Amino acid sequence: VFGRMEAAADKWAGKNNSAFQRGARSATSFGTVVKGIIGANIIQSAFQQVQSGIMGIITETAKVEDAVIGFKVLTGSLESATKLVADLRAEAAATPFEFSHLAESTQMLIGFGVATKDTVIPIMRRLGDVAMGNADKFQRITLAYSQIQAAGRASMQDINQLINAGVPIMKELEKQTGLTMSEIRKGGKITAK
């Protein structure tokens, strides 16, 4: 009797043992699949980052080439344009502004005739300081400054542009002109100097 019970127990253990082994193999296979999926995702993510980096370099190179072409027209020579672009790239590296912001402002200042290739960088530094590193304010202040300098005087619209860009200009105008705010608002003569 004990012999038969022992044989039956061995038979039962053998069947269950192979089931346990199959389960263990399935778990191992599942783990391998999960590891493969995770590995593929890591490789895909790395590839996308490399691709994005390459596209960024291509885009930046295109912006620089476009700037050189545009500045060639404004400065009169390829040599001057190339030097100006190199100066702008150095400014972009040293300031919170991107190359494209500086290039747009440079085109505006030179295009309005209020700066030259030799004076534009110092002017932009001052305007950038007033904008406190904010690119949107920088563009708006540059436009207002260019309009004021080109016209030789500040209209109330120009002053409002500066105020809307966050420049506290009214107190300074009172000090510089001796006019009150209401006199300035009524059209007091404010020259670009």
Protein backbone atom coordinates (compact mmCIF):
# COMPACT_ATOMS: atom_id res chain seq x y z
CA VAL A 1 0.00 0.00 0.00
CA PHE A 2 2.73 2.39 0.98
CA GLY A 3 4.56 1.51 -2.20
CA ARG A 4 1.55 2.39 -4.33
CA MET A 5 1.03 5.64 -2.41
CA GLU A 6 4.66 6.50 -2.90
CA ALA A 7 4.45 5.73 -6.63
CA ALA A 8 1.27 7.83 -6.95
CA ALA A 9 2.96 10.72 -5.11
CA ASP A 10 5.99 10.51 -7.38
CA LYS A 11 3.73 10.48 -10.44
CA TRP A 12 1.79 13.50 -9.16
CA ALA A 13 5.01 15.36 -8.34
CA GLY A 14 6.39 14.58 -11.80
CA LYS A 15 3.33 16.00 -13.55
CA ASN A 16 3.27 19.12 -11.39
CA ASN A 17 7.01 19.55 -11.59
CA SER A 18 6.85 19.70 -15.39
CA ALA A 19 3.99 22.21 -15.10
CA PHE A 20 6.14 24.29 -12.75
CA GLN A 21 9.03 24.05 -15.20
CA ARG A 22 6.79 25.14 -18.10
CA GLY A 23 5.58 28.08 -16.00
CA ALA A 24 9.14 29.03 -15.13
CA ARG A 25 10.14 28.84 -18.81
CA SER A 26 7.14 31.05 -19.74
CA ALA A 27 8.09 33.61 -17.10
CA THR A 28 11.67 33.61 -18.37
CA SER A 29 10.43 34.06 -21.95
CA PHE A 30 8.13 36.91 -20.87
CA GLY A 31 11.04 38.61 -19.08
CA THR A 32 13.15 38.31 -22.21
CA VAL A 33 10.38 39.87 -24.30
CA VAL A 34 9.98 42.77 -21.85
CA LYS A 35 13.74 43.35 -21.82
CA GLY A 36 13.72 43.36 -25.63
CA ILE A 37 10.90 45.92 -25.76
CA ILE A 38 12.64 48.18 -23.25
CA GLY A 39 15.91 47.89 -25.17
CA ALA A 40 14.18 48.72 -28.46
CA ASN A 41 12.55 51.79 -26.87
CA ILE A 42 15.91 53.00 -25.57
CA ILE A 43 17.50 52.56 -28.99
CA GLN A 44 14.59 54.34 -30.69
CA SER A 45 14.76 57.24 -28.21
CA ALA A 46 18.51 57.61 -28.72
CA PHE A 47 18.05 57.56 -32.50
CA GLN A 48 15.35 60.26 -32.28
CA GLN A 49 17.63 62.46 -30.15
CA VAL A 50 20.49 62.09 -32.63
CA GLN A 51 18.11 62.83 -35.50
CA SER A 52 16.77 65.91 -33.69
CA GLY A 53 20.32 67.14 -33.05
CA ILE A 54 21.28 66.76 -36.68
CA MET A 55 18.13 68.59 -37.80
CA GLY A 56 18.92 71.38 -35.34
CA ILE A 57 22.41 71.77 -36.79
CA ILE A 58 21.03 71.84 -40.33
CA THR A 59 18.39 74.41 -39.38
CA GLU A 60 20.93 76.63 -37.59
CA THR A 61 23.30 76.41 -40.56
CA ALA A 62 20.49 77.46 -42.90
CA LYS A 63 19.67 80.44 -40.65
CA VAL A 64 23.31 81.55 -40.69
CA GLU A 65 23.53 81.21 -44.47
CA ASP A 66 20.29 83.19 -44.90
CA ALA A 67 21.65 85.89 -42.57
CA VAL A 68 24.90 86.18 -44.53
CA ILE A 69 22.93 86.63 -47.75
CA GLY A 70 20.63 89.24 -46.18
CA PHE A 71 23.46 91.15 -44.54
CA LYS A 72 25.44 91.14 -47.79
CA VAL A 73 22.73 93.38 -49.24
CA LEU A 74 22.64 95.62 -46.14
CA THR A 75 26.42 95.92 -45.67
CA GLY A 76 27.48 95.93 -49.30
CA SER A 77 29.95 93.04 -49.20
CA LEU A 78 30.18 89.36 -48.43
CA GLU A 79 33.20 89.99 -46.20
CA SER A 80 31.33 92.53 -44.04
CA ALA A 81 28.28 90.28 -43.89
CA THR A 82 30.34 87.27 -42.82
CA LYS A 83 32.07 89.28 -40.09
CA LEU A 84 28.76 90.67 -38.84
CA VAL A 85 27.26 87.17 -38.67
CA ALA A 86 30.31 85.95 -36.73
CA ASP A 87 29.89 88.86 -34.31
CA LEU A 88 26.18 88.05 -33.90
CA ARG A 89 26.95 84.39 -33.22
CA ALA A 90 29.41 85.46 -30.52
CA GLU A 91 26.74 87.74 -29.00
CA ALA A 92 24.21 84.89 -29.10
CA ALA A 93 26.65 82.70 -27.20
CA ALA A 94 27.23 85.40 -24.57
CA THR A 95 23.63 86.60 -24.08
CA PRO A 96 20.22 85.03 -23.44
CA PHE A 97 19.18 85.91 -27.00
CA GLU A 98 19.24 83.41 -29.85
CA PHE A 99 21.05 84.14 -33.08
CA SER A 100 17.74 84.57 -34.93
CA HIS A 101 16.59 87.31 -32.49
CA LEU A 102 19.85 89.19 -32.90
CA ALA A 103 19.82 88.80 -36.69
CA GLU A 104 16.26 90.15 -36.93
CA SER A 105 17.10 93.14 -34.75
CA THR A 106 20.28 93.83 -36.70
CA GLN A 107 18.36 93.80 -39.98
CA MET A 108 15.81 96.18 -38.47
CA LEU A 109 18.38 98.62 -37.08
CA ILE A 110 20.49 98.70 -40.25
CA GLY A 111 17.39 98.67 -42.47
CA PHE A 112 15.94 101.73 -40.69
CA GLY A 113 19.31 103.42 -41.18
CA VAL A 114 19.86 103.97 -37.46
CA ALA A 115 22.90 101.69 -37.17
CA THR A 116 25.78 100.54 -39.31
CA LYS A 117 27.63 97.25 -39.34
CA ASP A 118 30.11 98.88 -36.95
CA THR A 119 27.61 100.40 -34.48
CA VAL A 120 24.86 97.79 -34.40
CA ILE A 121 26.34 95.46 -31.75
CA PRO A 122 26.77 98.15 -29.04
CA ILE A 123 23.26 99.47 -29.77
CA MET A 124 21.78 95.99 -29.48
CA ARG A 125 23.61 95.40 -26.20
CA ARG A 126 21.96 98.49 -24.74
CA LEU A 127 18.55 97.49 -26.07
CA GLY A 128 19.06 93.95 -24.76
CA ASP A 129 19.88 95.33 -21.32
CA VAL A 130 16.67 97.35 -21.34
CA ALA A 131 14.74 94.21 -22.41
CA MET A 132 16.31 92.32 -19.47
CA GLY A 133 17.00 89.26 -21.61
CA ASN A 134 13.39 88.86 -22.80
CA ALA A 135 13.36 88.14 -26.56
CA ASP A 136 9.83 89.45 -27.17
CA LYS A 137 10.55 92.71 -25.35
CA PHE A 138 13.86 92.97 -27.20
CA GLN A 139 12.12 92.82 -30.58
CA ARG A 140 9.46 95.36 -29.54
CA ILE A 141 11.99 97.77 -28.03
CA THR A 142 14.19 97.48 -31.11
CA LEU A 143 11.25 98.35 -33.37
CA ALA A 144 10.25 101.38 -31.28
CA TYR A 145 13.89 102.56 -31.02
CA SER A 146 14.36 102.19 -34.78
CA GLN A 147 11.20 104.16 -35.51
CA ILE A 148 12.16 106.94 -33.10
CA GLN A 149 15.70 107.22 -34.42
CA ALA A 150 14.60 107.12 -38.07
CA ALA A 151 11.96 109.81 -37.52
CA GLY A 152 14.25 111.93 -35.35
CA ARG A 153 11.51 112.28 -32.76
CA ALA A 154 9.26 110.13 -30.58
CA SER A 155 5.57 110.07 -31.28
CA MET A 156 3.13 109.11 -28.55
CA GLN A 157 2.65 105.82 -30.40
CA ASP A 158 6.41 105.14 -30.12
CA ILE A 159 6.35 105.99 -26.43
CA ASN A 160 3.37 103.68 -25.91
CA GLN A 161 5.23 100.89 -27.70
CA LEU A 162 8.06 101.26 -25.21
CA ILE A 163 5.66 101.41 -22.26
CA ASN A 164 3.87 98.28 -23.53
CA ALA A 165 7.23 96.53 -23.77
CA GLY A 166 7.79 97.25 -20.08
CA VAL A 167 10.13 100.23 -20.40
CA PRO A 168 9.41 102.81 -17.67
CA ILE A 169 10.05 105.69 -20.06
CA MET A 170 7.68 108.40 -18.80
CA LYS A 171 9.64 109.37 -15.66
CA GLU A 172 12.84 109.52 -17.66
CA LEU A 173 11.20 111.69 -20.32
CA GLU A 174 9.94 114.07 -17.62
CA LYS A 175 13.48 114.35 -16.28
CA GLN A 176 15.10 114.80 -19.69
CA THR A 177 12.59 117.24 -21.18
CA GLY A 178 11.27 119.13 -18.17
CA LEU A 179 7.74 118.40 -19.41
CA THR A 180 5.04 116.81 -17.26
CA MET A 181 3.44 113.50 -18.20
CA SER A 182 0.28 115.25 -19.35
CA GLU A 183 2.31 117.66 -21.53
CA ILE A 184 4.16 114.71 -23.04
CA ARG A 185 0.88 112.89 -23.68
CA LYS A 186 -0.59 116.01 -25.33
CA GLY A 187 2.20 115.93 -27.89
CA GLY A 188 5.18 117.59 -26.33
CA LYS A 189 8.13 117.62 -28.73
CA ILE A 190 10.46 114.75 -27.90
CA THR A 191 13.46 114.41 -30.14
CA ALA A 192 15.42 111.22 -30.73
CA LYS A 193 18.53 112.64 -29.08
